[in-house]
Amino acid sequence: MDLITNFDNQKGATPAQISLAWMLHKKDMIVPILGARKPERIQENLSAADVELTDNEFNQIEAELAKIEIHGDRTDKHIAKLRNMI
């Protein structure tokens, strides 16, 4: 996503940090659960809390994400159907 690359260049952050900053900006109640195999990834993820997105930047990311077409049924009805098959 070129938009993320532009933001990470502007803010001196990695794409992962921009992604985490977006999640943290989205709602106060969202707490990302991060995984990492290397200590440097843990530090990178923790440093995302220092990356601040403006409301305008956040809205630009949201607008780009809204353009992505999601394929497949993600409804509770579909999940229940899969459970019945197991």
N, C-alpha and C. Protein backbone atom coordinates (compact mmCIF):
# COMPACT_ATOMS: atom_id res chain seq x y z
N MET A 1 0.85 -1.17 0.00
CA MET A 1 0.00 0.00 0.00
C MET A 1 0.90 1.24 0.00
N ASP A 2 0.85 2.01 -1.06
CA ASP A 2 1.68 3.20 -1.20
C ASP A 2 1.43 4.21 -0.10
N LEU A 3 0.20 4.32 0.36
CA LEU A 3 -0.14 5.28 1.41
C LEU A 3 0.64 4.98 2.68
N ILE A 4 0.72 3.71 3.05
CA ILE A 4 1.47 3.32 4.25
C ILE A 4 2.95 3.65 4.06
N THR A 5 3.48 3.37 2.88
CA THR A 5 4.89 3.69 2.61
C THR A 5 5.13 5.19 2.73
N ASN A 6 4.20 5.99 2.24
CA ASN A 6 4.34 7.45 2.37
C ASN A 6 4.35 7.87 3.84
N PHE A 7 3.45 7.30 4.62
CA PHE A 7 3.39 7.65 6.04
C PHE A 7 4.64 7.19 6.78
N ASP A 8 5.11 5.98 6.48
CA ASP A 8 6.29 5.53 7.22
C ASP A 8 7.51 6.37 6.86
N ASN A 9 7.60 6.83 5.61
CA ASN A 9 8.70 7.73 5.24
C ASN A 9 8.59 9.08 5.95
N GLN A 10 7.38 9.62 6.02
CA GLN A 10 7.15 10.92 6.66
C GLN A 10 7.43 10.87 8.16
N LYS A 11 7.04 9.80 8.78
CA LYS A 11 7.10 9.70 10.23
C LYS A 11 8.33 8.97 10.75
N GLY A 12 9.14 8.45 9.85
CA GLY A 12 10.31 7.69 10.29
C GLY A 12 9.92 6.44 11.04
N ALA A 13 8.87 5.80 10.58
CA ALA A 13 8.34 4.59 11.23
C ALA A 13 8.28 3.46 10.21
N THR A 14 8.17 2.24 10.70
CA THR A 14 8.04 1.09 9.80
C THR A 14 6.57 0.90 9.43
N PRO A 15 6.30 0.16 8.35
CA PRO A 15 4.91 -0.13 8.00
C PRO A 15 4.16 -0.81 9.16
N ALA A 16 4.83 -1.69 9.88
CA ALA A 16 4.19 -2.36 11.02
C ALA A 16 3.79 -1.34 12.08
N GLN A 17 4.66 -0.36 12.31
CA GLN A 17 4.35 0.67 13.31
C GLN A 17 3.19 1.54 12.86
N ILE A 18 3.13 1.85 11.58
CA ILE A 18 2.00 2.64 11.06
C ILE A 18 0.70 1.85 11.24
N SER A 19 0.75 0.56 10.94
CA SER A 19 -0.42 -0.29 11.10
C SER A 19 -0.89 -0.32 12.56
N LEU A 20 0.04 -0.49 13.47
CA LEU A 20 -0.31 -0.50 14.89
C LEU A 20 -0.81 0.86 15.35
N ALA A 21 -0.19 1.93 14.86
CA ALA A 21 -0.65 3.28 15.21
C ALA A 21 -2.08 3.50 14.71
N TRP A 22 -2.39 2.97 13.53
CA TRP A 22 -3.75 3.07 12.99
C TRP A 22 -4.74 2.34 13.92
N MET A 23 -4.37 1.13 14.36
CA MET A 23 -5.25 0.38 15.26
C MET A 23 -5.45 1.12 16.58
N LEU A 24 -4.36 1.67 17.12
CA LEU A 24 -4.44 2.40 18.39
C LEU A 24 -5.27 3.67 18.25
N HIS A 25 -5.26 4.29 17.08
CA HIS A 25 -6.03 5.51 16.83
C HIS A 25 -7.51 5.21 16.63
N LYS A 26 -7.81 4.01 16.18
CA LYS A 26 -9.17 3.63 15.80
C LYS A 26 -10.15 3.76 16.96
N LYS A 27 -9.86 3.14 18.06
CA LYS A 27 -10.74 3.19 19.23
C LYS A 27 -9.91 3.00 20.49
N ASP A 28 -10.33 3.65 21.56
CA ASP A 28 -9.60 3.53 22.82
C ASP A 28 -9.62 2.11 23.37
N MET A 29 -10.65 1.36 23.05
CA MET A 29 -10.80 0.04 23.64
C MET A 29 -10.03 -1.04 22.87
N ILE A 30 -9.41 -0.70 21.75
CA ILE A 30 -8.66 -1.68 20.98
C ILE A 30 -7.27 -1.83 21.57
N VAL A 31 -6.91 -3.07 21.86
CA VAL A 31 -5.57 -3.38 22.35
C VAL A 31 -5.01 -4.48 21.45
N PRO A 32 -4.10 -4.11 20.54
CA PRO A 32 -3.54 -5.13 19.65
C PRO A 32 -2.74 -6.16 20.44
N ILE A 33 -2.89 -7.40 20.05
CA ILE A 33 -2.09 -8.47 20.65
C ILE A 33 -1.02 -8.82 19.64
N LEU A 34 0.20 -8.56 20.01
CA LEU A 34 1.31 -8.66 19.09
C LEU A 34 2.06 -9.97 19.26
N GLY A 35 2.60 -10.44 18.19
CA GLY A 35 3.47 -11.60 18.24
C GLY A 35 4.81 -11.23 17.64
N ALA A 36 5.85 -11.79 18.16
CA ALA A 36 7.19 -11.52 17.62
C ALA A 36 8.13 -12.63 18.06
N ARG A 37 9.01 -13.00 17.17
CA ARG A 37 9.98 -14.05 17.48
C ARG A 37 11.34 -13.48 17.86
N LYS A 38 11.56 -12.22 17.51
CA LYS A 38 12.86 -11.62 17.77
C LYS A 38 12.70 -10.40 18.66
N PRO A 39 13.64 -10.17 19.55
CA PRO A 39 13.56 -9.00 20.45
C PRO A 39 13.44 -7.68 19.71
N GLU A 40 14.08 -7.56 18.55
CA GLU A 40 13.99 -6.29 17.81
C GLU A 40 12.58 -6.04 17.28
N ARG A 41 11.84 -7.10 17.00
CA ARG A 41 10.44 -6.93 16.56
C ARG A 41 9.57 -6.49 17.73
N ILE A 42 9.86 -7.01 18.91
CA ILE A 42 9.11 -6.59 20.09
C ILE A 42 9.33 -5.10 20.33
N GLN A 43 10.57 -4.65 20.23
CA GLN A 43 10.87 -3.23 20.41
C GLN A 43 10.20 -2.39 19.33
N GLU A 44 10.22 -2.88 18.09
CA GLU A 44 9.57 -2.18 16.98
C GLU A 44 8.08 -2.01 17.28
N ASN A 45 7.44 -3.10 17.70
CA ASN A 45 6.01 -3.04 18.01
C ASN A 45 5.72 -2.09 19.16
N LEU A 46 6.52 -2.14 20.21
CA LEU A 46 6.30 -1.25 21.35
C LEU A 46 6.48 0.22 20.96
N SER A 47 7.41 0.48 20.06
CA SER A 47 7.67 1.85 19.61
C SER A 47 6.52 2.42 18.78
N ALA A 48 5.63 1.58 18.33
CA ALA A 48 4.47 2.06 17.57
C ALA A 48 3.60 2.99 18.42
N ALA A 49 3.66 2.84 19.74
CA ALA A 49 2.88 3.71 20.62
C ALA A 49 3.37 5.16 20.53
N ASP A 50 4.59 5.36 20.06
CA ASP A 50 5.14 6.71 19.90
C ASP A 50 4.79 7.34 18.56
N VAL A 51 4.21 6.57 17.66
CA VAL A 51 3.83 7.07 16.34
C VAL A 51 2.40 7.61 16.44
N GLU A 52 2.26 8.89 16.18
CA GLU A 52 0.93 9.50 16.26
C GLU A 52 0.43 9.84 14.87
N LEU A 53 -0.78 9.40 14.59
CA LEU A 53 -1.44 9.75 13.34
C LEU A 53 -2.41 10.89 13.61
N THR A 54 -2.45 11.84 12.70
CA THR A 54 -3.45 12.89 12.79
C THR A 54 -4.79 12.29 12.38
N ASP A 55 -5.86 12.99 12.68
CA ASP A 55 -7.18 12.51 12.25
C ASP A 55 -7.23 12.43 10.72
N ASN A 56 -6.59 13.37 10.04
CA ASN A 56 -6.58 13.36 8.58
C ASN A 56 -5.83 12.14 8.05
N GLU A 57 -4.67 11.83 8.64
CA GLU A 57 -3.91 10.64 8.22
C GLU A 57 -4.70 9.37 8.47
N PHE A 58 -5.33 9.30 9.64
CA PHE A 58 -6.15 8.15 9.98
C PHE A 58 -7.28 7.99 8.95
N ASN A 59 -7.93 9.10 8.62
CA ASN A 59 -9.05 9.05 7.66
C ASN A 59 -8.57 8.65 6.26
N GLN A 60 -7.36 9.04 5.89
CA GLN A 60 -6.81 8.62 4.60
C GLN A 60 -6.62 7.11 4.57
N ILE A 61 -6.10 6.55 5.64
CA ILE A 61 -5.92 5.09 5.71
C ILE A 61 -7.28 4.40 5.66
N GLU A 62 -8.23 4.90 6.43
CA GLU A 62 -9.58 4.31 6.44
C GLU A 62 -10.19 4.33 5.04
N ALA A 63 -10.03 5.44 4.32
CA ALA A 63 -10.60 5.57 2.97
C ALA A 63 -9.97 4.55 2.02
N GLU A 64 -8.65 4.36 2.13
CA GLU A 64 -7.98 3.36 1.28
C GLU A 64 -8.43 1.95 1.62
N LEU A 65 -8.56 1.66 2.89
CA LEU A 65 -9.01 0.33 3.30
C LEU A 65 -10.43 0.05 2.84
N ALA A 66 -11.27 1.08 2.82
CA ALA A 66 -12.67 0.92 2.39
C ALA A 66 -12.76 0.53 0.92
N LYS A 67 -11.73 0.81 0.15
CA LYS A 67 -11.73 0.48 -1.28
C LYS A 67 -11.40 -0.99 -1.54
N ILE A 68 -10.91 -1.69 -0.53
CA ILE A 68 -10.52 -3.08 -0.71
C ILE A 68 -11.75 -3.97 -0.64
N GLU A 69 -11.92 -4.78 -1.68
CA GLU A 69 -13.06 -5.68 -1.72
C GLU A 69 -12.72 -6.96 -0.96
N ILE A 70 -13.56 -7.30 0.00
CA ILE A 70 -13.37 -8.52 0.79
C ILE A 70 -14.16 -9.65 0.13
N HIS A 71 -13.51 -10.77 -0.05
CA HIS A 71 -14.16 -11.92 -0.69
C HIS A 71 -14.44 -12.99 0.36
N GLY A 72 -15.55 -13.65 0.20
CA GLY A 72 -15.90 -14.74 1.11
C GLY A 72 -16.89 -14.29 2.16
N ASP A 73 -17.62 -15.23 2.67
CA ASP A 73 -18.65 -14.97 3.67
C ASP A 73 -18.03 -15.00 5.06
N ARG A 74 -18.16 -13.90 5.79
CA ARG A 74 -17.57 -13.81 7.12
C ARG A 74 -18.67 -13.66 8.19
N THR A 75 -19.85 -14.15 7.89
CA THR A 75 -20.98 -13.99 8.81
C THR A 75 -21.03 -15.10 9.84
N ASP A 76 -21.73 -14.84 10.93
CA ASP A 76 -21.93 -15.86 11.96
C ASP A 76 -22.65 -17.08 11.39
N LYS A 77 -23.55 -16.85 10.45
CA LYS A 77 -24.28 -17.95 9.82
C LYS A 77 -23.30 -18.89 9.11
N HIS A 78 -22.33 -18.33 8.42
CA HIS A 78 -21.34 -19.12 7.70
C HIS A 78 -20.45 -19.89 8.71
N ILE A 79 -20.06 -19.26 9.77
CA ILE A 79 -19.22 -19.91 10.79
C ILE A 79 -19.98 -21.08 11.44
N ALA A 80 -21.25 -20.88 11.74
CA ALA A 80 -22.06 -21.94 12.32
C ALA A 80 -22.16 -23.12 11.37
N LYS A 81 -22.30 -22.84 10.09
CA LYS A 81 -22.36 -23.88 9.08
C LYS A 81 -21.07 -24.69 9.06
N LEU A 82 -19.93 -24.01 9.14
CA LEU A 82 -18.64 -24.71 9.18
C LEU A 82 -18.51 -25.58 10.43
N ARG A 83 -18.97 -25.07 11.55
CA ARG A 83 -18.90 -25.85 12.80
C ARG A 83 -19.71 -27.13 12.71
N ASN A 84 -20.84 -27.06 12.03
CA ASN A 84 -21.69 -28.24 11.88
C ASN A 84 -21.05 -29.31 11.00
N MET A 85 -20.10 -28.88 10.16
CA MET A 85 -19.43 -29.82 9.26
C MET A 85 -18.32 -30.60 9.99
N ILE A 86 -17.87 -30.08 11.12
CA ILE A 86 -16.77 -30.73 11.84
C ILE A 86 -17.27 -31.89 12.67
